C-alpha atoms as a PDB file:
ATOM      1  CA  MET A   1      26.662 102.156 -77.504  1.00  0.00           C
ATOM      2  CA  LYS A   2      29.733  99.944 -77.897  1.00  0.00           C
ATOM      3  CA  SER A   3      31.855 100.162 -81.013  1.00  0.00           C
ATOM      4  CA  ILE A   4      31.524  97.265 -83.466  1.00  0.00           C
ATOM      5  CA  GLN A   5      34.477  95.854 -85.356  1.00  0.00           C
ATOM      6  CA  VAL A   6      34.189  94.532 -88.891  1.00  0.00           C
ATOM      7  CA  ARG A   7      35.058  90.958 -87.795  1.00  0.00           C
ATOM      8  CA  GLU A   8      31.856  90.851 -85.711  1.00  0.00           C
ATOM      9  CA  LEU A   9      29.624  91.304 -88.766  1.00  0.00           C
ATOM     10  CA  MET A  10      31.619  89.723 -91.591  1.00  0.00           C
ATOM     11  CA  VAL A  11      30.862  86.382 -93.193  1.00  0.00           C
ATOM     12  CA  PRO A  12      33.935  84.163 -92.661  1.00  0.00           C
ATOM     13  CA  ILE A  13      35.501  83.074 -95.915  1.00  0.00           C
ATOM     14  CA  GLU A  14      34.865  79.414 -95.033  1.00  0.00           C
ATOM     15  CA  GLU A  15      31.110  80.077 -95.276  1.00  0.00           C
ATOM     16  CA  TYR A  16      31.302  81.945 -98.560  1.00  0.00           C
ATOM     17  CA  ALA A  17      30.922  80.578-102.074  1.00  0.00           C
ATOM     18  CA  THR A  18      34.311  80.159-103.738  1.00  0.00           C
ATOM     19  CA  THR A  19      35.542  78.855-107.070  1.00  0.00           C
ATOM     20  CA  SER A  20      38.790  78.638-108.986  1.00  0.00           C
ATOM     21  CA  GLU A  21      39.614  81.309-111.539  1.00  0.00           C
ATOM     22  CA  ASN A  22      39.948  78.453-114.028  1.00  0.00           C
ATOM     23  CA  ALA A  23      36.445  77.147-113.292  1.00  0.00           C
ATOM     24  CA  THR A  24      33.692  77.481-115.859  1.00  0.00           C
ATOM     25  CA  MET A  25      30.619  79.628-115.406  1.00  0.00           C
ATOM     26  CA  LEU A  26      28.638  76.440-114.749  1.00  0.00           C
ATOM     27  CA  GLU A  27      31.031  75.394-111.970  1.00  0.00           C
ATOM     28  CA  ALA A  28      30.779  78.866-110.428  1.00  0.00           C
ATOM     29  CA  VAL A  29      26.986  78.724-110.463  1.00  0.00           C
ATOM     30  CA  LEU A  30      27.082  75.294-108.797  1.00  0.00           C
ATOM     31  CA  ALA A  31      29.484  76.616-106.112  1.00  0.00           C
ATOM     32  CA  LEU A  32      27.114  79.489-105.347  1.00  0.00           C
ATOM     33  CA  GLU A  33      24.126  77.159-105.174  1.00  0.00           C
ATOM     34  CA  LYS A  34      25.998  74.819-102.786  1.00  0.00           C
ATOM     35  CA  ALA A  35      27.047  77.689-100.492  1.00  0.00           C
ATOM     36  CA  GLN A  36      23.496  79.026-100.397  1.00  0.00           C
ATOM     37  CA  ALA A  37      22.124  75.614 -99.446  1.00  0.00           C
ATOM     38  CA  GLU A  38      24.635  75.277 -96.587  1.00  0.00           C
ATOM     39  CA  TYR A  39      24.425  78.869 -95.341  1.00  0.00           C
ATOM     40  CA  ASP A  40      22.604  79.845 -92.158  1.00  0.00           C
ATOM     41  CA  GLN A  41      19.070  80.591 -93.346  1.00  0.00           C
ATOM     42  CA  SER A  42      18.567  83.320 -90.752  1.00  0.00           C
ATOM     43  CA  HIS A  43      20.887  85.550 -92.795  1.00  0.00           C
ATOM     44  CA  TYR A  44      20.624  86.961 -96.295  1.00  0.00           C
ATOM     45  CA  ARG A  45      21.825  84.610 -98.990  1.00  0.00           C
ATOM     46  CA  HIS A  46      25.112  85.111-100.806  1.00  0.00           C
ATOM     47  CA  ARG A  47      25.036  87.310-103.890  1.00  0.00           C
ATOM     48  CA  ALA A  48      28.589  86.769-105.116  1.00  0.00           C
ATOM     49  CA  ILE A  49      31.266  84.124-105.553  1.00  0.00           C
ATOM     50  CA  LEU A  50      34.849  84.649-104.421  1.00  0.00           C
ATOM     51  CA  VAL A  51      37.492  83.551-106.921  1.00  0.00           C
ATOM     52  CA  TYR A  52      40.808  81.973-105.879  1.00  0.00           C
ATOM     53  CA  ASN A  53      43.974  81.338-107.879  1.00  0.00           C
ATOM     54  CA  ASP A  54      46.342  78.342-107.995  1.00  0.00           C
ATOM     55  CA  GLN A  55      47.866  79.446-104.670  1.00  0.00           C
ATOM     56  CA  ASN A  56      44.397  79.456-103.023  1.00  0.00           C
ATOM     57  CA  LYS A  57      44.503  83.256-102.648  1.00  0.00           C
ATOM     58  CA  ILE A  58      41.342  85.242-103.343  1.00  0.00           C
ATOM     59  CA  VAL A  59      41.963  87.253-106.513  1.00  0.00           C
ATOM     60  CA  GLY A  60      38.494  88.373-107.478  1.00  0.00           C
ATOM     61  CA  LYS A  61      34.773  88.003-107.166  1.00  0.00           C
ATOM     62  CA  VAL A  62      31.845  87.379-109.455  1.00  0.00           C
ATOM     63  CA  SER A  63      28.606  89.184-108.668  1.00  0.00           C
ATOM     64  CA  GLN A  64      25.233  88.257-110.065  1.00  0.00           C
ATOM     65  CA  LEU A  65      25.578  91.201-112.454  1.00  0.00           C
ATOM     66  CA  ASP A  66      29.084  90.119-113.563  1.00  0.00           C
ATOM     67  CA  LEU A  67      27.814  86.656-114.427  1.00  0.00           C
ATOM     68  CA  ILE A  68      24.810  87.867-116.411  1.00  0.00           C
ATOM     69  CA  MET A  69      26.849  90.559-118.191  1.00  0.00           C
ATOM     70  CA  ALA A  70      29.383  87.914-119.235  1.00  0.00           C
ATOM     71  CA  LEU A  71      26.722  86.205-121.338  1.00  0.00           C
ATOM     72  CA  GLU A  72      26.805  89.229-123.673  1.00  0.00           C
ATOM     73  CA  PRO A  73      30.506  89.981-124.266  1.00  0.00           C
ATOM     74  CA  GLU A  74      29.768  93.240-126.104  1.00  0.00           C
ATOM     75  CA  TYR A  75      29.097  94.893-122.724  1.00  0.00           C
ATOM     76  CA  GLY A  76      32.813  94.550-122.001  1.00  0.00           C
ATOM     77  CA  LYS A  77      33.581  96.856-124.920  1.00  0.00           C
ATOM     78  CA  LEU A  78      31.649  99.713-123.322  1.00  0.00           C
ATOM     79  CA  VAL A  79      33.547 102.000-120.997  1.00  0.00           C
ATOM     80  CA  ASP A  80      32.754 101.216-117.341  1.00  0.00           C
ATOM     81  CA  VAL A  81      29.336  99.642-117.794  1.00  0.00           C
ATOM     82  CA  ARG A  82      28.637  99.919-114.054  1.00  0.00           C
ATOM     83  CA  GLY A  83      29.119 103.668-114.162  1.00  0.00           C
ATOM     84  CA  LEU A  84      27.028 104.304-117.289  1.00  0.00           C
ATOM     85  CA  SER A  85      23.846 104.883-115.305  1.00  0.00           C
ATOM     86  CA  ARG A  86      25.499 107.848-113.587  1.00  0.00           C
ATOM     87  CA  THR A  87      26.589 109.512-116.840  1.00  0.00           C
ATOM     88  CA  GLY A  88      23.320 111.288-117.544  1.00  0.00           C
ATOM     89  CA  TYR A  89      22.435 109.270-120.635  1.00  0.00           C
ATOM     90  CA  SER A  90      18.711 108.797-121.136  1.00  0.00           C
ATOM     91  CA  MET A  91      16.764 105.532-121.064  1.00  0.00           C
ATOM     92  CA  ASP A  92      16.244 106.015-124.813  1.00  0.00           C
ATOM     93  CA  TYR A  93      20.008 105.808-125.271  1.00  0.00           C
ATOM     94  CA  PHE A  94      20.228 102.594-123.237  1.00  0.00           C
ATOM     95  CA  GLU A  95      17.315 101.103-125.175  1.00  0.00           C
ATOM     96  CA  SER A  96      19.119 101.942-128.446  1.00  0.00           C
ATOM     97  CA  LEU A  97      22.041  99.821-127.234  1.00  0.00           C
ATOM     98  CA  VAL A  98      19.718  96.838-126.975  1.00  0.00           C
ATOM     99  CA  GLN A  99      18.228  97.532-130.389  1.00  0.00           C
ATOM    100  CA  GLY A 100      21.727  97.964-131.753  1.00  0.00           C
ATOM    101  CA  GLY A 101      22.715  94.436-130.860  1.00  0.00           C
ATOM    102  CA  LEU A 102      23.345  94.213-127.120  1.00  0.00           C
ATOM    103  CA  TRP A 103      21.475  91.516-125.253  1.00  0.00           C
ATOM    104  CA  ILE A 104      19.457  90.314-128.212  1.00  0.00           C
ATOM    105  CA  LYS A 105      19.951  86.554-127.917  1.00  0.00           C
ATOM    106  CA  PRO A 106      22.498  85.822-125.163  1.00  0.00           C
ATOM    107  CA  LEU A 107      20.248  83.215-123.576  1.00  0.00           C
ATOM    108  CA  ASP A 108      19.904  81.202-126.798  1.00  0.00           C
ATOM    109  CA  ASP A 109      23.183  79.357-126.288  1.00  0.00           C
ATOM    110  CA  ILE A 110      23.550  79.785-122.529  1.00  0.00           C
ATOM    111  CA  CYS A 111      24.425  76.114-121.934  1.00  0.00           C
ATOM    112  CA  ARG A 112      27.352  76.243-124.359  1.00  0.00           C
ATOM    113  CA  LYS A 113      28.588  79.525-122.905  1.00  0.00           C
ATOM    114  CA  ALA A 114      28.357  78.359-119.283  1.00  0.00           C
ATOM    115  CA  ALA A 115      30.327  75.211-120.085  1.00  0.00           C
ATOM    116  CA  VAL A 116      33.286  77.020-121.673  1.00  0.00           C
ATOM    117  CA  MET A 117      33.507  80.546-120.208  1.00  0.00           C
ATOM    118  CA  GLN A 118      36.237  80.720-117.585  1.00  0.00           C
ATOM    119  CA  VAL A 119      35.605  82.745-114.458  1.00  0.00           C
ATOM    120  CA  LYS A 120      38.916  84.631-114.770  1.00  0.00           C
ATOM    121  CA  ASN A 121      37.618  86.207-117.975  1.00  0.00           C
ATOM    122  CA  PHE A 122      34.630  87.924-116.360  1.00  0.00           C
ATOM    123  CA  MET A 123      35.445  88.200-112.650  1.00  0.00           C
ATOM    124  CA  HIS A 124      35.846  91.567-110.970  1.00  0.00           C
ATOM    125  CA  THR A 125      39.323  92.196-109.582  1.00  0.00           C
ATOM    126  CA  PRO A 126      38.922  94.201-106.361  1.00  0.00           C
ATOM    127  CA  LYS A 127      40.578  97.614-106.108  1.00  0.00           C
ATOM    128  CA  ASP A 128      42.250  99.154-103.042  1.00  0.00           C
ATOM    129  CA  GLY A 129      39.002 100.677-101.728  1.00  0.00           C
ATOM    130  CA  GLU A 130      37.308  97.274-101.607  1.00  0.00           C
ATOM    131  CA  TYR A 131      39.395  95.898 -98.719  1.00  0.00           C
ATOM    132  CA  ILE A 132      39.034  96.599 -95.015  1.00  0.00           C
ATOM    133  CA  LYS A 133      40.935  95.316 -91.981  1.00  0.00           C
ATOM    134  CA  GLU A 134      39.026  92.922 -89.735  1.00  0.00           C
ATOM    135  CA  ASP A 135      39.746  95.063 -86.661  1.00  0.00           C
ATOM    136  CA  ALA A 136      38.516  98.287 -88.291  1.00  0.00           C
ATOM    137  CA  GLU A 137      35.475  99.894 -86.730  1.00  0.00           C
ATOM    138  CA  LEU A 138      32.212  99.394 -88.558  1.00  0.00           C
ATOM    139  CA  ASN A 139      31.861 103.165 -89.001  1.00  0.00           C
ATOM    140  CA  ALA A 140      34.921 103.124 -91.298  1.00  0.00           C
ATOM    141  CA  ALA A 141      33.448 100.220 -93.271  1.00  0.00           C
ATOM    142  CA  VAL A 142      30.135 102.019 -93.717  1.00  0.00           C
ATOM    143  CA  HIS A 143      32.042 105.024 -95.047  1.00  0.00           C
ATOM    144  CA  GLN A 144      33.866 102.809 -97.585  1.00  0.00           C
ATOM    145  CA  LEU A 145      30.648 101.095 -98.665  1.00  0.00           C
ATOM    146  CA  ILE A 146      28.941 104.438 -99.253  1.00  0.00           C
ATOM    147  CA  ILE A 147      31.805 106.288-100.933  1.00  0.00           C
ATOM    148  CA  GLY A 148      32.671 103.365-103.205  1.00  0.00           C
ATOM    149  CA  LYS A 149      29.039 102.317-103.756  1.00  0.00           C
ATOM    150  CA  HIS A 150      30.122  98.748-102.961  1.00  0.00           C
ATOM    151  CA  GLN A 151      27.841  95.806-102.244  1.00  0.00           C
ATOM    152  CA  SER A 152      30.581  94.223-100.112  1.00  0.00           C
ATOM    153  CA  LEU A 153      34.121  94.671 -98.841  1.00  0.00           C
ATOM    154  CA  LEU A 154      36.782  91.980 -98.583  1.00  0.00           C
ATOM    155  CA  VAL A 155      37.962  91.683 -94.983  1.00  0.00           C
ATOM    156  CA  ILE A 156      41.697  91.240 -94.481  1.00  0.00           C
ATOM    157  CA  ARG A 157      43.992  90.061 -91.696  1.00  0.00           C
ATOM    158  CA  GLY A 158      47.460  91.144 -92.722  1.00  0.00           C
ATOM    159  CA  THR A 159      47.454  90.329 -96.437  1.00  0.00           C
ATOM    160  CA  ASP A 160      45.028  87.393 -96.222  1.00  0.00           C
ATOM    161  CA  ILE A 161      41.338  87.710 -97.018  1.00  0.00           C
ATOM    162  CA  VAL A 162      39.417  86.203 -94.091  1.00  0.00           C
ATOM    163  CA  GLY A 163      35.853  87.236 -94.829  1.00  0.00           C
ATOM    164  CA  VAL A 164      33.329  89.413 -96.572  1.00  0.00           C
ATOM    165  CA  LEU A 165      31.471  92.362 -95.092  1.00  0.00           C
ATOM    166  CA  ARG A 166      28.216  92.592 -96.989  1.00  0.00           C
ATOM    167  CA  LEU A 167      26.112  95.715 -97.352  1.00  0.00           C
ATOM    168  CA  THR A 168      22.996  93.635 -96.620  1.00  0.00           C
ATOM    169  CA  ASP A 169      24.342  92.699 -93.172  1.00  0.00           C
ATOM    170  CA  VAL A 170      25.299  96.307 -92.398  1.00  0.00           C
ATOM    171  CA  PHE A 171      21.842  97.420 -93.555  1.00  0.00           C
ATOM    172  CA  LYS A 172      20.169  94.874 -91.257  1.00  0.00           C
ATOM    173  CA  LEU A 173      22.253  96.076 -88.304  1.00  0.00           C
ATOM    174  CA  VAL A 174      21.315  99.711 -89.034  1.00  0.00           C
ATOM    175  CA  CYS A 175      17.628  98.783 -89.252  1.00  0.00           C
ATOM    176  CA  ASP A 176      17.835  96.847 -85.984  1.00  0.00           C
ATOM    177  CA  ARG A 177      19.452  99.858 -84.289  1.00  0.00           C
ATOM    178  CA  ILE A 178      16.720 102.144 -85.618  1.00  0.00           C
ATOM    179  CA  LYS A 179      14.035  99.853 -84.203  1.00  0.00           C
ATOM    180  CA  GLU A 180      15.824  99.821 -80.811  1.00  0.00           C
ATOM    181  CA  CYS A 181      15.344 103.591 -80.596  1.00  0.00           C
ATOM    182  CA  GLY A 182      11.691 102.999 -79.832  1.00  0.00           C
ATOM    183  CA  LEU A 183      10.536 106.181 -81.484  1.00  0.00           C
END
């Protein structure tokens, strides 16, 4: 079977939802909604928004989880919220966090929050392991997705981000290959 390069499966940046780091949460939500409406419906919908700076360079991304977590700023005071589930703490402990004040009424003033919260204050800034070259083989990308437990990788050409390789697209390709086996 022929080798697949990342560029063959990535979503080009032009098709992805983007917003300025100075945009509000409301503007980011509207950008995501617009990109989803314009996106090829035969593919999975976007689940994140890429964030650009004043020089039009991608500097971060906002996932669905990032956006919802931003509504309750106390989550930011916890150490690595994303990694908490792997720490061995029980569900009782997590429920005590809610009873102790986290996520009690964040939806009560959601309109006010969405109108004033700037994306740069809750976006995720990608780390080294979240980038992959567009000419890399897909096998290397799969390795990065698994090891880093990433939902996507930013695809680069030189130093420029040119697309997004999404786990959902890799998963679909794997499933299609399994079905081709004809077991």
